[in-house]
Amino acid sequence: MIDPNVLRAIGEVLESHGVTPKTGERLADAVSRVLGTSDSETQRWMEALSEGCTVEEANRRAGIASHKAPDDLLVSIARAIGSALGKVAK
């Protein structure tokens, strides 16, 4: 299960990149849409980042090819997750 603070951070990053969930769309579904990944790939990717993996390692774990999404978005989401987890740990 992904921490609610992490989900909030992901939502903020998506918004900063001009991505908003469609009406009734879950955040994970919006991430899947933007990254061009399946629900299971997205879940594994977010879980790996929540565990402290780098973007590259999370991509490998989830089976996501780096070219599926803009690298700056992937890195921004990873940084937001790291920051959110750091705040939770305090």
PDB file of N, CA and C in Angstrom:
ATOM      1  N   MET A   1       0.842  -1.181   0.000  1.00  0.00           N
ATOM      2  CA  MET A   1       0.000   0.000   0.000  1.00  0.00           C
ATOM      3  C   MET A   1       0.884   1.240   0.000  1.00  0.00           C
ATOM      4  N   ILE A   2       0.507   2.208  -0.773  1.00  0.00           N
ATOM      5  CA  ILE A   2       1.310   3.412  -0.908  1.00  0.00           C
ATOM      6  C   ILE A   2       0.784   4.472   0.052  1.00  0.00           C
ATOM      7  N   ASP A   3       1.705   5.082   0.768  1.00  0.00           N
ATOM      8  CA  ASP A   3       1.390   6.106   1.758  1.00  0.00           C
ATOM      9  C   ASP A   3       0.586   7.247   1.120  1.00  0.00           C
ATOM     10  N   PRO A   4      -0.443   7.741   1.808  1.00  0.00           N
ATOM     11  CA  PRO A   4      -1.240   8.852   1.274  1.00  0.00           C
ATOM     12  C   PRO A   4      -0.406  10.107   0.990  1.00  0.00           C
ATOM     13  N   ASN A   5       0.651  10.340   1.775  1.00  0.00           N
ATOM     14  CA  ASN A   5       1.535  11.483   1.521  1.00  0.00           C
ATOM     15  C   ASN A   5       2.250  11.335   0.186  1.00  0.00           C
ATOM     16  N   VAL A   6       2.599  10.099  -0.153  1.00  0.00           N
ATOM     17  CA  VAL A   6       3.250   9.820  -1.430  1.00  0.00           C
ATOM     18  C   VAL A   6       2.265  10.086  -2.569  1.00  0.00           C
ATOM     19  N   LEU A   7       1.039   9.636  -2.404  1.00  0.00           N
ATOM     20  CA  LEU A   7       0.029   9.872  -3.436  1.00  0.00           C
ATOM     21  C   LEU A   7      -0.214  11.364  -3.639  1.00  0.00           C
ATOM     22  N   ARG A   8      -0.251  12.104  -2.531  1.00  0.00           N
ATOM     23  CA  ARG A   8      -0.440  13.553  -2.623  1.00  0.00           C
ATOM     24  C   ARG A   8       0.723  14.185  -3.386  1.00  0.00           C
ATOM     25  N   ALA A   9       1.936  13.744  -3.084  1.00  0.00           N
ATOM     26  CA  ALA A   9       3.123  14.274  -3.763  1.00  0.00           C
ATOM     27  C   ALA A   9       3.086  13.970  -5.254  1.00  0.00           C
ATOM     28  N   ILE A  10       2.671  12.765  -5.599  1.00  0.00           N
ATOM     29  CA  ILE A  10       2.568  12.387  -7.014  1.00  0.00           C
ATOM     30  C   ILE A  10       1.542  13.279  -7.715  1.00  0.00           C
ATOM     31  N   GLY A  11       0.414  13.506  -7.061  1.00  0.00           N
ATOM     32  CA  GLY A  11      -0.614  14.370  -7.628  1.00  0.00           C
ATOM     33  C   GLY A  11      -0.100  15.772  -7.884  1.00  0.00           C
ATOM     34  N   GLU A  12       0.703  16.290  -6.956  1.00  0.00           N
ATOM     35  CA  GLU A  12       1.273  17.631  -7.125  1.00  0.00           C
ATOM     36  C   GLU A  12       2.233  17.682  -8.307  1.00  0.00           C
ATOM     37  N   VAL A  13       3.033  16.632  -8.477  1.00  0.00           N
ATOM     38  CA  VAL A  13       3.967  16.598  -9.603  1.00  0.00           C
ATOM     39  C   VAL A  13       3.203  16.542 -10.919  1.00  0.00           C
ATOM     40  N   LEU A  14       2.195  15.698 -10.979  1.00  0.00           N
ATOM     41  CA  LEU A  14       1.409  15.610 -12.204  1.00  0.00           C
ATOM     42  C   LEU A  14       0.798  16.964 -12.538  1.00  0.00           C
ATOM     43  N   GLU A  15       0.252  17.624 -11.533  1.00  0.00           N
ATOM     44  CA  GLU A  15      -0.356  18.936 -11.746  1.00  0.00           C
ATOM     45  C   GLU A  15       0.678  19.942 -12.248  1.00  0.00           C
ATOM     46  N   SER A  16       1.878  19.887 -11.689  1.00  0.00           N
ATOM     47  CA  SER A  16       2.930  20.821 -12.117  1.00  0.00           C
ATOM     48  C   SER A  16       3.364  20.565 -13.559  1.00  0.00           C
ATOM     49  N   HIS A  17       3.080  19.372 -14.063  1.00  0.00           N
ATOM     50  CA  HIS A  17       3.393  19.031 -15.455  1.00  0.00           C
ATOM     51  C   HIS A  17       2.158  19.160 -16.355  1.00  0.00           C
ATOM     52  N   GLY A  18       1.124  19.797 -15.817  1.00  0.00           N
ATOM     53  CA  GLY A  18      -0.075  20.030 -16.615  1.00  0.00           C
ATOM     54  C   GLY A  18      -0.975  18.828 -16.784  1.00  0.00           C
ATOM     55  N   VAL A  19      -0.816  17.834 -15.918  1.00  0.00           N
ATOM     56  CA  VAL A  19      -1.631  16.620 -16.000  1.00  0.00           C
ATOM     57  C   VAL A  19      -2.637  16.627 -14.860  1.00  0.00           C
ATOM     58  N   THR A  20      -3.902  16.519 -15.197  1.00  0.00           N
ATOM     59  CA  THR A  20      -4.931  16.418 -14.175  1.00  0.00           C
ATOM     60  C   THR A  20      -5.739  15.152 -14.425  1.00  0.00           C
ATOM     61  N   PRO A  21      -6.100  14.470 -13.345  1.00  0.00           N
ATOM     62  CA  PRO A  21      -6.933  13.281 -13.524  1.00  0.00           C
ATOM     63  C   PRO A  21      -8.265  13.667 -14.161  1.00  0.00           C
ATOM     64  N   LYS A  22      -8.740  12.791 -15.015  1.00  0.00           N
ATOM     65  CA  LYS A  22     -10.054  12.988 -15.628  1.00  0.00           C
ATOM     66  C   LYS A  22     -11.124  12.761 -14.571  1.00  0.00           C
ATOM     67  N   THR A  23     -12.323  13.236 -14.816  1.00  0.00           N
ATOM     68  CA  THR A  23     -13.417  13.065 -13.877  1.00  0.00           C
ATOM     69  C   THR A  23     -13.584  11.586 -13.527  1.00  0.00           C
ATOM     70  N   GLY A  24     -13.535  11.294 -12.238  1.00  0.00           N
ATOM     71  CA  GLY A  24     -13.703   9.927 -11.763  1.00  0.00           C
ATOM     72  C   GLY A  24     -12.468   9.052 -11.889  1.00  0.00           C
ATOM     73  N   GLU A  25     -11.375   9.604 -12.411  1.00  0.00           N
ATOM     74  CA  GLU A  25     -10.147   8.818 -12.604  1.00  0.00           C
ATOM     75  C   GLU A  25      -9.328   8.800 -11.313  1.00  0.00           C
ATOM     76  N   ARG A  26      -8.896   7.623 -10.918  1.00  0.00           N
ATOM     77  CA  ARG A  26      -8.021   7.501  -9.750  1.00  0.00           C
ATOM     78  C   ARG A  26      -6.638   8.038 -10.102  1.00  0.00           C
ATOM     79  N   LEU A  27      -5.905   8.464  -9.094  1.00  0.00           N
ATOM     80  CA  LEU A  27      -4.565   8.998  -9.314  1.00  0.00           C
ATOM     81  C   LEU A  27      -3.675   7.968  -9.994  1.00  0.00           C
ATOM     82  N   ALA A  28      -3.736   6.726  -9.544  1.00  0.00           N
ATOM     83  CA  ALA A  28      -2.914   5.678 -10.160  1.00  0.00           C
ATOM     84  C   ALA A  28      -3.257   5.502 -11.633  1.00  0.00           C
ATOM     85  N   ASP A  29      -4.529   5.667 -11.970  1.00  0.00           N
ATOM     86  CA  ASP A  29      -4.932   5.564 -13.374  1.00  0.00           C
ATOM     87  C   ASP A  29      -4.378   6.723 -14.192  1.00  0.00           C
ATOM     88  N   ALA A  30      -4.353   7.918 -13.585  1.00  0.00           N
ATOM     89  CA  ALA A  30      -3.782   9.081 -14.279  1.00  0.00           C
ATOM     90  C   ALA A  30      -2.293   8.866 -14.513  1.00  0.00           C
ATOM     91  N   VAL A  31      -1.598   8.315 -13.516  1.00  0.00           N
ATOM     92  CA  VAL A  31      -0.171   8.021 -13.671  1.00  0.00           C
ATOM     93  C   VAL A  31       0.026   7.007 -14.786  1.00  0.00           C
ATOM     94  N   SER A  32      -0.792   5.968 -14.810  1.00  0.00           N
ATOM     95  CA  SER A  32      -0.704   4.953 -15.867  1.00  0.00           C
ATOM     96  C   SER A  32      -0.898   5.578 -17.240  1.00  0.00           C
ATOM     97  N   ARG A  33      -1.868   6.453 -17.333  1.00  0.00           N
ATOM     98  CA  ARG A  33      -2.166   7.112 -18.612  1.00  0.00           C
ATOM     99  C   ARG A  33      -0.976   7.950 -19.068  1.00  0.00           C
ATOM    100  N   VAL A  34      -0.406   8.725 -18.153  1.00  0.00           N
ATOM    101  CA  VAL A  34       0.703   9.608 -18.499  1.00  0.00           C
ATOM    102  C   VAL A  34       1.962   8.813 -18.838  1.00  0.00           C
ATOM    103  N   LEU A  35       2.215   7.765 -18.074  1.00  0.00           N
ATOM    104  CA  LEU A  35       3.426   6.976 -18.294  1.00  0.00           C
ATOM    105  C   LEU A  35       3.258   5.971 -19.434  1.00  0.00           C
ATOM    106  N   GLY A  36       2.015   5.718 -19.828  1.00  0.00           N
ATOM    107  CA  GLY A  36       1.776   4.730 -20.871  1.00  0.00           C
ATOM    108  C   GLY A  36       2.020   3.321 -20.377  1.00  0.00           C
ATOM    109  N   THR A  37       1.638   3.082 -19.128  1.00  0.00           N
ATOM    110  CA  THR A  37       1.880   1.786 -18.497  1.00  0.00           C
ATOM    111  C   THR A  37       0.560   1.156 -18.059  1.00  0.00           C
ATOM    112  N   SER A  38       0.633  -0.131 -17.772  1.00  0.00           N
ATOM    113  CA  SER A  38      -0.544  -0.829 -17.249  1.00  0.00           C
ATOM    114  C   SER A  38      -0.699  -0.498 -15.766  1.00  0.00           C
ATOM    115  N   ASP A  39      -1.856  -0.847 -15.212  1.00  0.00           N
ATOM    116  CA  ASP A  39      -2.091  -0.615 -13.790  1.00  0.00           C
ATOM    117  C   ASP A  39      -1.058  -1.346 -12.933  1.00  0.00           C
ATOM    118  N   SER A  40      -0.769  -2.593 -13.284  1.00  0.00           N
ATOM    119  CA  SER A  40       0.177  -3.372 -12.478  1.00  0.00           C
ATOM    120  C   SER A  40       1.592  -2.815 -12.589  1.00  0.00           C
ATOM    121  N   GLU A  41       1.994  -2.357 -13.780  1.00  0.00           N
ATOM    122  CA  GLU A  41       3.317  -1.738 -13.929  1.00  0.00           C
ATOM    123  C   GLU A  41       3.410  -0.474 -13.087  1.00  0.00           C
ATOM    124  N   THR A  42       2.372   0.332 -13.131  1.00  0.00           N
ATOM    125  CA  THR A  42       2.365   1.577 -12.361  1.00  0.00           C
ATOM    126  C   THR A  42       2.437   1.289 -10.874  1.00  0.00           C
ATOM    127  N   GLN A  43       1.681   0.327 -10.410  1.00  0.00           N
ATOM    128  CA  GLN A  43       1.688  -0.022  -8.987  1.00  0.00           C
ATOM    129  C   GLN A  43       3.077  -0.488  -8.562  1.00  0.00           C
ATOM    130  N   ARG A  44       3.680  -1.394  -9.343  1.00  0.00           N
ATOM    131  CA  ARG A  44       5.030  -1.875  -9.006  1.00  0.00           C
ATOM    132  C   ARG A  44       6.030  -0.731  -9.031  1.00  0.00           C
ATOM    133  N   TRP A  45       5.884   0.194  -9.996  1.00  0.00           N
ATOM    134  CA  TRP A  45       6.795   1.327 -10.128  1.00  0.00           C
ATOM    135  C   TRP A  45       6.693   2.239  -8.911  1.00  0.00           C
ATOM    136  N   MET A  46       5.474   2.592  -8.507  1.00  0.00           N
ATOM    137  CA  MET A  46       5.297   3.479  -7.353  1.00  0.00           C
ATOM    138  C   MET A  46       5.765   2.803  -6.066  1.00  0.00           C
ATOM    139  N   GLU A  47       5.518   1.504  -5.938  1.00  0.00           N
ATOM    140  CA  GLU A  47       5.984   0.774  -4.760  1.00  0.00           C
ATOM    141  C   GLU A  47       7.505   0.759  -4.692  1.00  0.00           C
ATOM    142  N   ALA A  48       8.153   0.523  -5.829  1.00  0.00           N
ATOM    143  CA  ALA A  48       9.618   0.508  -5.858  1.00  0.00           C
ATOM    144  C   ALA A  48      10.176   1.872  -5.473  1.00  0.00           C
ATOM    145  N   LEU A  49       9.582   2.938  -5.992  1.00  0.00           N
ATOM    146  CA  LEU A  49      10.037   4.281  -5.617  1.00  0.00           C
ATOM    147  C   LEU A  49       9.798   4.539  -4.137  1.00  0.00           C
ATOM    148  N   SER A  50       8.688   4.036  -3.610  1.00  0.00           N
ATOM    149  CA  SER A  50       8.377   4.202  -2.188  1.00  0.00           C
ATOM    150  C   SER A  50       9.375   3.469  -1.303  1.00  0.00           C
ATOM    151  N   GLU A  51      10.003   2.428  -1.870  1.00  0.00           N
ATOM    152  CA  GLU A  51      11.023   1.670  -1.135  1.00  0.00           C
ATOM    153  C   GLU A  51      12.399   2.321  -1.239  1.00  0.00           C
ATOM    154  N   GLY A  52      12.489   3.410  -2.008  1.00  0.00           N
ATOM    155  CA  GLY A  52      13.754   4.119  -2.125  1.00  0.00           C
ATOM    156  C   GLY A  52      14.557   3.787  -3.368  1.00  0.00           C
ATOM    157  N   CYS A  53      13.975   3.058  -4.302  1.00  0.00           N
ATOM    158  CA  CYS A  53      14.683   2.727  -5.544  1.00  0.00           C
ATOM    159  C   CYS A  53      14.879   3.979  -6.396  1.00  0.00           C
ATOM    160  N   THR A  54      15.909   3.953  -7.210  1.00  0.00           N
ATOM    161  CA  THR A  54      16.092   5.005  -8.202  1.00  0.00           C
ATOM    162  C   THR A  54      15.038   4.829  -9.291  1.00  0.00           C
ATOM    163  N   VAL A  55      14.879   5.843 -10.115  1.00  0.00           N
ATOM    164  CA  VAL A  55      13.926   5.737 -11.219  1.00  0.00           C
ATOM    165  C   VAL A  55      14.291   4.567 -12.115  1.00  0.00           C
ATOM    166  N   GLU A  56      15.578   4.422 -12.413  1.00  0.00           N
ATOM    167  CA  GLU A  56      16.017   3.349 -13.297  1.00  0.00           C
ATOM    168  C   GLU A  56      15.698   1.973 -12.709  1.00  0.00           C
ATOM    169  N   GLU A  57      15.947   1.804 -11.415  1.00  0.00           N
ATOM    170  CA  GLU A  57      15.660   0.522 -10.768  1.00  0.00           C
ATOM    171  C   GLU A  57      14.155   0.271 -10.711  1.00  0.00           C
ATOM    172  N   ALA A  58      13.391   1.314 -10.394  1.00  0.00           N
ATOM    173  CA  ALA A  58      11.935   1.168 -10.363  1.00  0.00           C
ATOM    174  C   ALA A  58      11.414   0.788 -11.751  1.00  0.00           C
ATOM    175  N   ASN A  59      11.976   1.410 -12.784  1.00  0.00           N
ATOM    176  CA  ASN A  59      11.591   1.064 -14.156  1.00  0.00           C
ATOM    177  C   ASN A  59      11.859  -0.411 -14.433  1.00  0.00           C
ATOM    178  N   ARG A  60      13.044  -0.887 -14.032  1.00  0.00           N
ATOM    179  CA  ARG A  60      13.387  -2.295 -14.256  1.00  0.00           C
ATOM    180  C   ARG A  60      12.425  -3.215 -13.511  1.00  0.00           C
ATOM    181  N   ARG A  61      12.166  -2.909 -12.251  1.00  0.00           N
ATOM    182  CA  ARG A  61      11.269  -3.747 -11.452  1.00  0.00           C
ATOM    183  C   ARG A  61       9.879  -3.832 -12.060  1.00  0.00           C
ATOM    184  N   ALA A  62       9.424  -2.711 -12.584  1.00  0.00           N
ATOM    185  CA  ALA A  62       8.062  -2.656 -13.127  1.00  0.00           C
ATOM    186  C   ALA A  62       7.987  -3.079 -14.584  1.00  0.00           C
ATOM    187  N   GLY A  63       9.140  -3.224 -15.224  1.00  0.00           N
ATOM    188  CA  GLY A  63       9.145  -3.572 -16.635  1.00  0.00           C
ATOM    189  C   GLY A  63       8.805  -2.399 -17.528  1.00  0.00           C
ATOM    190  N   ILE A  64       9.132  -1.196 -17.065  1.00  0.00           N
ATOM    191  CA  ILE A  64       8.842   0.019 -17.825  1.00  0.00           C
ATOM    192  C   ILE A  64      10.084   0.415 -18.609  1.00  0.00           C
ATOM    193  N   ALA A  65       9.915   0.565 -19.901  1.00  0.00           N
ATOM    194  CA  ALA A  65      11.008   1.068 -20.732  1.00  0.00           C
ATOM    195  C   ALA A  65      11.128   2.566 -20.489  1.00  0.00           C
ATOM    196  N   SER A  66      12.338   3.050 -20.316  1.00  0.00           N
ATOM    197  CA  SER A  66      12.556   4.458 -20.001  1.00  0.00           C
ATOM    198  C   SER A  66      11.947   5.393 -21.029  1.00  0.00           C
ATOM    199  N   HIS A  67      11.806   4.941 -22.263  1.00  0.00           N
ATOM    200  CA  HIS A  67      11.289   5.812 -23.306  1.00  0.00           C
ATOM    201  C   HIS A  67       9.775   6.002 -23.260  1.00  0.00           C
ATOM    202  N   LYS A  68       9.084   5.307 -22.375  1.00  0.00           N
ATOM    203  CA  LYS A  68       7.628   5.405 -22.339  1.00  0.00           C
ATOM    204  C   LYS A  68       7.136   6.744 -21.814  1.00  0.00           C
ATOM    205  N   ALA A  69       7.928   7.428 -21.036  1.00  0.00           N
ATOM    206  CA  ALA A  69       7.500   8.713 -20.467  1.00  0.00           C
ATOM    207  C   ALA A  69       8.682   9.657 -20.435  1.00  0.00           C
ATOM    208  N   PRO A  70       8.402  10.937 -20.400  1.00  0.00           N
ATOM    209  CA  PRO A  70       9.509  11.896 -20.319  1.00  0.00           C
ATOM    210  C   PRO A  70      10.323  11.676 -19.044  1.00  0.00           C
ATOM    211  N   ASP A  71      11.640  11.613 -19.193  1.00  0.00           N
ATOM    212  CA  ASP A  71      12.498  11.380 -18.037  1.00  0.00           C
ATOM    213  C   ASP A  71      12.308  12.424 -16.954  1.00  0.00           C
ATOM    214  N   ASP A  72      12.060  13.687 -17.350  1.00  0.00           N
ATOM    215  CA  ASP A  72      11.905  14.718 -16.328  1.00  0.00           C
ATOM    216  C   ASP A  72      10.678  14.454 -15.462  1.00  0.00           C
ATOM    217  N   LEU A  73       9.621  13.895 -16.033  1.00  0.00           N
ATOM    218  CA  LEU A  73       8.441  13.560 -15.242  1.00  0.00           C
ATOM    219  C   LEU A  73       8.750  12.410 -14.298  1.00  0.00           C
ATOM    220  N   LEU A  74       9.430  11.387 -14.786  1.00  0.00           N
ATOM    221  CA  LEU A  74       9.789  10.249 -13.932  1.00  0.00           C
ATOM    222  C   LEU A  74      10.640  10.699 -12.757  1.00  0.00           C
ATOM    223  N   VAL A  75      11.637  11.513 -13.035  1.00  0.00           N
ATOM    224  CA  VAL A  75      12.532  11.995 -11.979  1.00  0.00           C
ATOM    225  C   VAL A  75      11.780  12.894 -11.004  1.00  0.00           C
ATOM    226  N   SER A  76      10.901  13.736 -11.515  1.00  0.00           N
ATOM    227  CA  SER A  76      10.109  14.617 -10.644  1.00  0.00           C
ATOM    228  C   SER A  76       9.231  13.817  -9.700  1.00  0.00           C
ATOM    229  N   ILE A  77       8.592  12.774 -10.222  1.00  0.00           N
ATOM    230  CA  ILE A  77       7.755  11.931  -9.366  1.00  0.00           C
ATOM    231  C   ILE A  77       8.613  11.228  -8.320  1.00  0.00           C
ATOM    232  N   ALA A  78       9.749  10.698  -8.736  1.00  0.00           N
ATOM    233  CA  ALA A  78      10.636  10.006  -7.794  1.00  0.00           C
ATOM    234  C   ALA A  78      11.100  10.946  -6.689  1.00  0.00           C
ATOM    235  N   ARG A  79      11.466  12.166  -7.045  1.00  0.00           N
ATOM    236  CA  ARG A  79      11.899  13.140  -6.033  1.00  0.00           C
ATOM    237  C   ARG A  79      10.768  13.480  -5.073  1.00  0.00           C
ATOM    238  N   ALA A  80       9.567  13.631  -5.606  1.00  0.00           N
ATOM    239  CA  ALA A  80       8.418  13.946  -4.764  1.00  0.00           C
ATOM    240  C   ALA A  80       8.141  12.811  -3.783  1.00  0.00           C
ATOM    241  N   ILE A  81       8.265  11.575  -4.251  1.00  0.00           N
ATOM    242  CA  ILE A  81       8.061  10.421  -3.371  1.00  0.00           C
ATOM    243  C   ILE A  81       9.124  10.411  -2.275  1.00  0.00           C
ATOM    244  N   GLY A  82      10.371  10.627  -2.660  1.00  0.00           N
ATOM    245  CA  GLY A  82      11.451  10.657  -1.668  1.00  0.00           C
ATOM    246  C   GLY A  82      11.232  11.744  -0.633  1.00  0.00           C
ATOM    247  N   SER A  83      10.826  12.901  -1.075  1.00  0.00           N
ATOM    248  CA  SER A  83      10.566  14.012  -0.173  1.00  0.00           C
ATOM    249  C   SER A  83       9.398  13.692   0.768  1.00  0.00           C
ATOM    250  N   ALA A  84       8.321  13.127   0.204  1.00  0.00           N
ATOM    251  CA  ALA A  84       7.164  12.778   1.030  1.00  0.00           C
ATOM    252  C   ALA A  84       7.532  11.728   2.059  1.00  0.00           C
ATOM    253  N   LEU A  85       8.311  10.742   1.675  1.00  0.00           N
ATOM    254  CA  LEU A  85       8.720   9.703   2.613  1.00  0.00           C
ATOM    255  C   LEU A  85       9.637  10.259   3.683  1.00  0.00           C
ATOM    256  N   GLY A  86      10.479  11.210   3.317  1.00  0.00           N
ATOM    257  CA  GLY A  86      11.350  11.847   4.293  1.00  0.00           C
ATOM    258  C   GLY A  86      10.547  12.579   5.351  1.00  0.00           C
ATOM    259  N   LYS A  87       9.470  13.222   4.953  1.00  0.00           N
ATOM    260  CA  LYS A  87       8.619  13.950   5.889  1.00  0.00           C
ATOM    261  C   LYS A  87       7.880  12.977   6.810  1.00  0.00           C
ATOM    262  N   VAL A  88       7.469  11.817   6.273  1.00  0.00           N
ATOM    263  CA  VAL A  88       6.780  10.818   7.054  1.00  0.00           C
ATOM    264  C   VAL A  88       7.706  10.234   8.114  1.00  0.00           C
ATOM    265  N   ALA A  89       8.982  10.037   7.754  1.00  0.00           N
ATOM    266  CA  ALA A  89       9.962   9.424   8.661  1.00  0.00           C
ATOM    267  C   ALA A  89      10.277  10.332   9.854  1.00  0.00           C
ATOM    268  N   LYS A  90      10.163  11.638   9.659  1.00  0.00           N
ATOM    269  CA  LYS A  90      10.454  12.582  10.750  1.00  0.00           C
ATOM    270  C   LYS A  90       9.420  12.443  11.787  1.00  0.00           C
TER     271      LYS A  90
END
